[in-house]
Amino acid sequence: MEWLDVLCKIATVIIALANIVFAIIIFKRNKQRELVKTLVLDHSIKHFYKYFEDLDLELCKLKDPQANEDTKKGIEKNIQSLGLVFEQRFIDLFLYINPNLHSELKNMIDDMFGKIMKSVFDEGINIYVESQYNEKIANVMIKTKASIIKLLFEKSK
C-alpha cells in the first residue's frame, strides 16, 4: 500500500511537470503568433495593399497599344523598384519571426514577377488587348495576392 502511495505521488509530479512543459510550449507559440499579428499584420499590412495597388497602376500602362520595348523596360524597372521597397517594408519583417514564411513570401513575389515579365516581353501576346492583359497579368496578380493572404491567415492561426 505504501509503494502505491509513492507511485501515485510520482505520477502526480510527472503529470504536473508535463503540464508545465505544455503550458510553456503553448505560451511561446501564442507569443509568436501575437508578435506576427501585432508587428506585421496590424502595422505593416498597409504596405502589402499599397504594393499591389502601385503594381496594378504601373502594369496598366501596358494596356496602351503604343507601348514599345522601351516602355516595357521602364515598366520592368519600376516594378523591380516597387518589389524592392515591398520586400524591405513587408517581407523582410518575417525574416526573424519566421524564416520559412519569409522565403515563401519572397518566392511567391519572385514567381509572380517572372510570370508577368515573361508575358510582357512575349511577342506572341498582345498585352494591350483586355482579355490578354486580364489572363496574363491581372489574374497572376490576383492569384498571388490571394495566395499571400491565405498563407498569412494560415500562419496566424
C-alpha atoms as a PDB file:
ATOM      1  CA  MET A   1       0.000   0.000   0.000  1.00  0.00           C
ATOM      2  CA  GLU A   2       2.872   2.361   0.803  1.00  0.00           C
ATOM      3  CA  TRP A   3       4.527   1.811  -2.582  1.00  0.00           C
ATOM      4  CA  LEU A   4       1.177   2.613  -4.241  1.00  0.00           C
ATOM      5  CA  ASP A   5       1.111   5.990  -2.489  1.00  0.00           C
ATOM      6  CA  VAL A   6       4.678   6.686  -3.632  1.00  0.00           C
ATOM      7  CA  LEU A   7       3.811   5.658  -7.185  1.00  0.00           C
ATOM      8  CA  CYS A   8       0.743   7.905  -7.126  1.00  0.00           C
ATOM      9  CA  LYS A   9       2.793  10.856  -5.890  1.00  0.00           C
ATOM     10  CA  ILE A  10       5.455  10.273  -8.569  1.00  0.00           C
ATOM     11  CA  ALA A  11       2.769  10.102 -11.254  1.00  0.00           C
ATOM     12  CA  THR A  12       1.251  13.342  -9.925  1.00  0.00           C
ATOM     13  CA  VAL A  13       4.643  15.081 -10.102  1.00  0.00           C
ATOM     14  CA  ILE A  14       5.245  13.793 -13.656  1.00  0.00           C
ATOM     15  CA  ILE A  15       1.802  14.995 -14.759  1.00  0.00           C
ATOM     16  CA  ALA A  16       2.418  18.393 -13.165  1.00  0.00           C
ATOM     17  CA  LEU A  17       5.794  18.704 -14.938  1.00  0.00           C
ATOM     18  CA  ALA A  18       4.222  17.708 -18.251  1.00  0.00           C
ATOM     19  CA  ASN A  19       1.546  20.376 -17.754  1.00  0.00           C
ATOM     20  CA  ILE A  20       4.217  22.978 -17.099  1.00  0.00           C
ATOM     21  CA  VAL A  21       6.114  21.978 -20.264  1.00  0.00           C
ATOM     22  CA  PHE A  22       2.943  22.090 -22.356  1.00  0.00           C
ATOM     23  CA  ALA A  23       1.989  25.465 -20.879  1.00  0.00           C
ATOM     24  CA  ILE A  24       5.416  26.864 -21.829  1.00  0.00           C
ATOM     25  CA  ILE A  25       5.166  25.489 -25.370  1.00  0.00           C
ATOM     26  CA  ILE A  26       1.670  26.900 -25.849  1.00  0.00           C
ATOM     27  CA  PHE A  27       2.731  30.246 -24.383  1.00  0.00           C
ATOM     28  CA  LYS A  28       5.693  30.504 -26.779  1.00  0.00           C
ATOM     29  CA  ARG A  29       3.515  29.609 -29.777  1.00  0.00           C
ATOM     30  CA  ASN A  30       0.894  32.166 -28.830  1.00  0.00           C
ATOM     31  CA  LYS A  31       3.554  34.776 -28.177  1.00  0.00           C
ATOM     32  CA  GLN A  32       4.988  34.246 -31.680  1.00  0.00           C
ATOM     33  CA  ARG A  33       1.504  34.466 -33.236  1.00  0.00           C
ATOM     34  CA  GLU A  34       0.789  37.679 -31.359  1.00  0.00           C
ATOM     35  CA  LEU A  35       4.152  39.081 -32.449  1.00  0.00           C
ATOM     36  CA  VAL A  36       3.355  38.284 -36.081  1.00  0.00           C
ATOM     37  CA  LYS A  37      -0.119  39.735 -35.751  1.00  0.00           C
ATOM     38  CA  THR A  38       0.950  42.889 -33.952  1.00  0.00           C
ATOM     39  CA  LEU A  39       4.175  43.623 -35.780  1.00  0.00           C
ATOM     40  CA  VAL A  40       3.230  42.609 -39.269  1.00  0.00           C
ATOM     41  CA  LEU A  41      -0.469  42.273 -39.809  1.00  0.00           C
ATOM     42  CA  ASP A  42      -1.626  45.230 -37.705  1.00  0.00           C
ATOM     43  CA  HIS A  43       1.120  47.713 -38.555  1.00  0.00           C
ATOM     44  CA  SER A  44       2.518  46.688 -41.930  1.00  0.00           C
ATOM     45  CA  ILE A  45      -0.389  45.270 -43.905  1.00  0.00           C
ATOM     46  CA  LYS A  46      -0.824  48.704 -45.474  1.00  0.00           C
ATOM     47  CA  HIS A  47       2.450  48.103 -47.367  1.00  0.00           C
ATOM     48  CA  PHE A  48       1.043  44.865 -48.740  1.00  0.00           C
ATOM     49  CA  TYR A  49      -2.025  46.560 -50.208  1.00  0.00           C
ATOM     50  CA  LYS A  50      -0.049  49.586 -51.394  1.00  0.00           C
ATOM     51  CA  TYR A  51       2.368  47.334 -53.284  1.00  0.00           C
ATOM     52  CA  PHE A  52      -0.417  45.646 -55.210  1.00  0.00           C
ATOM     53  CA  GLU A  53      -2.147  48.961 -55.917  1.00  0.00           C
ATOM     54  CA  ASP A  54       1.087  50.511 -57.223  1.00  0.00           C
ATOM     55  CA  LEU A  55       1.886  47.378 -59.191  1.00  0.00           C
ATOM     56  CA  ASP A  56      -1.535  47.490 -60.827  1.00  0.00           C
ATOM     57  CA  LEU A  57      -1.132  51.174 -61.725  1.00  0.00           C
ATOM     58  CA  GLU A  58       2.260  50.513 -63.284  1.00  0.00           C
ATOM     59  CA  LEU A  59       1.115  47.472 -65.237  1.00  0.00           C
ATOM     60  CA  CYS A  60      -1.974  49.267 -66.543  1.00  0.00           C
ATOM     61  CA  LYS A  61       0.422  51.256 -68.735  1.00  0.00           C
ATOM     62  CA  LEU A  62       0.746  48.083 -70.802  1.00  0.00           C
ATOM     63  CA  LYS A  63      -2.848  48.478 -71.983  1.00  0.00           C
ATOM     64  CA  ASP A  64      -1.638  51.232 -74.279  1.00  0.00           C
ATOM     65  CA  PRO A  65      -1.240  49.760 -77.795  1.00  0.00           C
ATOM     66  CA  GLN A  66       1.647  52.198 -78.320  1.00  0.00           C
ATOM     67  CA  ALA A  67       3.724  50.637 -75.515  1.00  0.00           C
ATOM     68  CA  ASN A  68       7.053  49.708 -77.097  1.00  0.00           C
ATOM     69  CA  GLU A  69      10.126  47.847 -75.827  1.00  0.00           C
ATOM     70  CA  ASP A  70      11.489  50.946 -74.086  1.00  0.00           C
ATOM     71  CA  THR A  71       8.168  51.460 -72.317  1.00  0.00           C
ATOM     72  CA  LYS A  72       8.143  47.811 -71.257  1.00  0.00           C
ATOM     73  CA  LYS A  73      11.716  48.031 -69.965  1.00  0.00           C
ATOM     74  CA  GLY A  74      10.787  51.160 -67.998  1.00  0.00           C
ATOM     75  CA  ILE A  75       7.806  49.352 -66.506  1.00  0.00           C
ATOM     76  CA  GLU A  76      10.020  46.394 -65.633  1.00  0.00           C
ATOM     77  CA  LYS A  77      12.499  48.701 -63.878  1.00  0.00           C
ATOM     78  CA  ASN A  78       9.689  50.430 -61.961  1.00  0.00           C
ATOM     79  CA  ILE A  79       8.206  47.091 -60.926  1.00  0.00           C
ATOM     80  CA  GLN A  80      11.598  45.933 -59.675  1.00  0.00           C
ATOM     81  CA  SER A  81      11.834  49.095 -57.577  1.00  0.00           C
ATOM     82  CA  LEU A  82       8.342  48.539 -56.199  1.00  0.00           C
ATOM     83  CA  GLY A  83       9.292  44.951 -55.372  1.00  0.00           C
ATOM     84  CA  LEU A  84      12.426  46.028 -53.536  1.00  0.00           C
ATOM     85  CA  VAL A  85      10.512  48.517 -51.403  1.00  0.00           C
ATOM     86  CA  PHE A  86       7.813  45.911 -50.715  1.00  0.00           C
ATOM     87  CA  GLU A  87      10.428  43.384 -49.692  1.00  0.00           C
ATOM     88  CA  GLN A  88      12.056  45.838 -47.299  1.00  0.00           C
ATOM     89  CA  ARG A  89       8.820  47.132 -45.774  1.00  0.00           C
ATOM     90  CA  PHE A  90       6.823  43.920 -45.576  1.00  0.00           C
ATOM     91  CA  ILE A  91       8.514  40.637 -46.447  1.00  0.00           C
ATOM     92  CA  ASP A  92      11.744  41.242 -44.514  1.00  0.00           C
ATOM     93  CA  LEU A  93       9.764  41.641 -41.290  1.00  0.00           C
ATOM     94  CA  PHE A  94       9.262  37.877 -41.368  1.00  0.00           C
ATOM     95  CA  LEU A  95      12.975  37.124 -41.642  1.00  0.00           C
ATOM     96  CA  TYR A  96      13.483  36.759 -37.885  1.00  0.00           C
ATOM     97  CA  ILE A  97       9.942  35.882 -36.908  1.00  0.00           C
ATOM     98  CA  ASN A  98       9.506  33.001 -39.329  1.00  0.00           C
ATOM     99  CA  PRO A  99      12.322  32.440 -41.868  1.00  0.00           C
ATOM    100  CA  ASN A 100      10.311  29.812 -43.761  1.00  0.00           C
ATOM    101  CA  LEU A 101       7.397  32.193 -44.210  1.00  0.00           C
ATOM    102  CA  HIS A 102       9.829  34.886 -45.333  1.00  0.00           C
ATOM    103  CA  SER A 103      11.196  32.542 -48.011  1.00  0.00           C
ATOM    104  CA  GLU A 104       7.710  31.506 -49.117  1.00  0.00           C
ATOM    105  CA  LEU A 105       6.573  35.118 -49.491  1.00  0.00           C
ATOM    106  CA  LYS A 106       9.731  36.096 -51.362  1.00  0.00           C
ATOM    107  CA  ASN A 107       9.347  33.139 -53.723  1.00  0.00           C
ATOM    108  CA  MET A 108       5.694  33.960 -54.380  1.00  0.00           C
ATOM    109  CA  ILE A 109       6.543  37.544 -55.347  1.00  0.00           C
ATOM    110  CA  ASP A 110       9.523  36.447 -57.445  1.00  0.00           C
ATOM    111  CA  ASP A 111       7.372  33.860 -59.272  1.00  0.00           C
ATOM    112  CA  MET A 112       4.674  36.458 -59.933  1.00  0.00           C
ATOM    113  CA  PHE A 113       7.236  38.921 -61.264  1.00  0.00           C
ATOM    114  CA  GLY A 114       8.763  36.239 -63.521  1.00  0.00           C
ATOM    115  CA  LYS A 115       5.391  35.223 -64.974  1.00  0.00           C
ATOM    116  CA  ILE A 116       4.335  38.806 -65.595  1.00  0.00           C
ATOM    117  CA  MET A 117       7.608  39.825 -67.225  1.00  0.00           C
ATOM    118  CA  LYS A 118       7.605  36.720 -69.399  1.00  0.00           C
ATOM    119  CA  SER A 119       4.163  37.710 -70.693  1.00  0.00           C
ATOM    120  CA  VAL A 120       5.134  41.368 -71.113  1.00  0.00           C
ATOM    121  CA  PHE A 121       8.080  40.582 -73.367  1.00  0.00           C
ATOM    122  CA  ASP A 122       6.445  37.697 -75.250  1.00  0.00           C
ATOM    123  CA  GLU A 123       5.960  38.951 -78.814  1.00  0.00           C
ATOM    124  CA  GLY A 124       3.117  36.464 -79.344  1.00  0.00           C
ATOM    125  CA  ILE A 125       0.956  38.117 -76.687  1.00  0.00           C
ATOM    126  CA  ASN A 126      -0.853  41.387 -77.371  1.00  0.00           C
ATOM    127  CA  ILE A 127      -0.844  42.500 -73.774  1.00  0.00           C
ATOM    128  CA  TYR A 128      -2.773  45.690 -74.643  1.00  0.00           C
ATOM    129  CA  VAL A 129      -5.812  43.540 -75.503  1.00  0.00           C
ATOM    130  CA  GLU A 130      -8.025  43.491 -72.407  1.00  0.00           C
ATOM    131  CA  SER A 131      -8.594  39.727 -72.373  1.00  0.00           C
ATOM    132  CA  GLN A 132      -4.867  39.029 -72.784  1.00  0.00           C
ATOM    133  CA  TYR A 133      -3.999  41.555 -70.081  1.00  0.00           C
ATOM    134  CA  ASN A 134      -6.522  40.027 -67.696  1.00  0.00           C
ATOM    135  CA  GLU A 135      -5.340  36.485 -68.360  1.00  0.00           C
ATOM    136  CA  LYS A 136      -1.586  37.083 -68.331  1.00  0.00           C
ATOM    137  CA  ILE A 137      -1.208  39.999 -65.919  1.00  0.00           C
ATOM    138  CA  ALA A 138      -4.258  40.771 -63.764  1.00  0.00           C
ATOM    139  CA  ASN A 139      -5.089  37.154 -62.905  1.00  0.00           C
ATOM    140  CA  VAL A 140      -1.483  36.449 -61.925  1.00  0.00           C
ATOM    141  CA  MET A 141      -1.535  39.425 -59.549  1.00  0.00           C
ATOM    142  CA  ILE A 142      -4.925  38.480 -58.098  1.00  0.00           C
ATOM    143  CA  LYS A 143      -3.918  34.854 -57.527  1.00  0.00           C
ATOM    144  CA  THR A 144      -0.619  35.843 -55.910  1.00  0.00           C
ATOM    145  CA  LYS A 145      -2.296  38.392 -53.660  1.00  0.00           C
ATOM    146  CA  ALA A 146      -4.946  35.856 -52.606  1.00  0.00           C
ATOM    147  CA  SER A 147      -2.306  33.174 -52.008  1.00  0.00           C
ATOM    148  CA  ILE A 148      -0.301  35.504 -49.774  1.00  0.00           C
ATOM    149  CA  ILE A 149      -3.385  36.473 -47.770  1.00  0.00           C
ATOM    150  CA  LYS A 150      -4.288  32.812 -47.392  1.00  0.00           C
ATOM    151  CA  LEU A 151      -0.753  31.938 -46.278  1.00  0.00           C
ATOM    152  CA  LEU A 152      -0.675  34.763 -43.734  1.00  0.00           C
ATOM    153  CA  PHE A 153      -4.074  33.752 -42.413  1.00  0.00           C
ATOM    154  CA  GLU A 154      -2.986  30.117 -42.045  1.00  0.00           C
ATOM    155  CA  LYS A 155       0.217  31.109 -40.233  1.00  0.00           C
ATOM    156  CA  SER A 156      -1.595  33.430 -37.845  1.00  0.00           C
ATOM    157  CA  LYS A 157      -3.952  30.708 -36.558  1.00  0.00           C
END
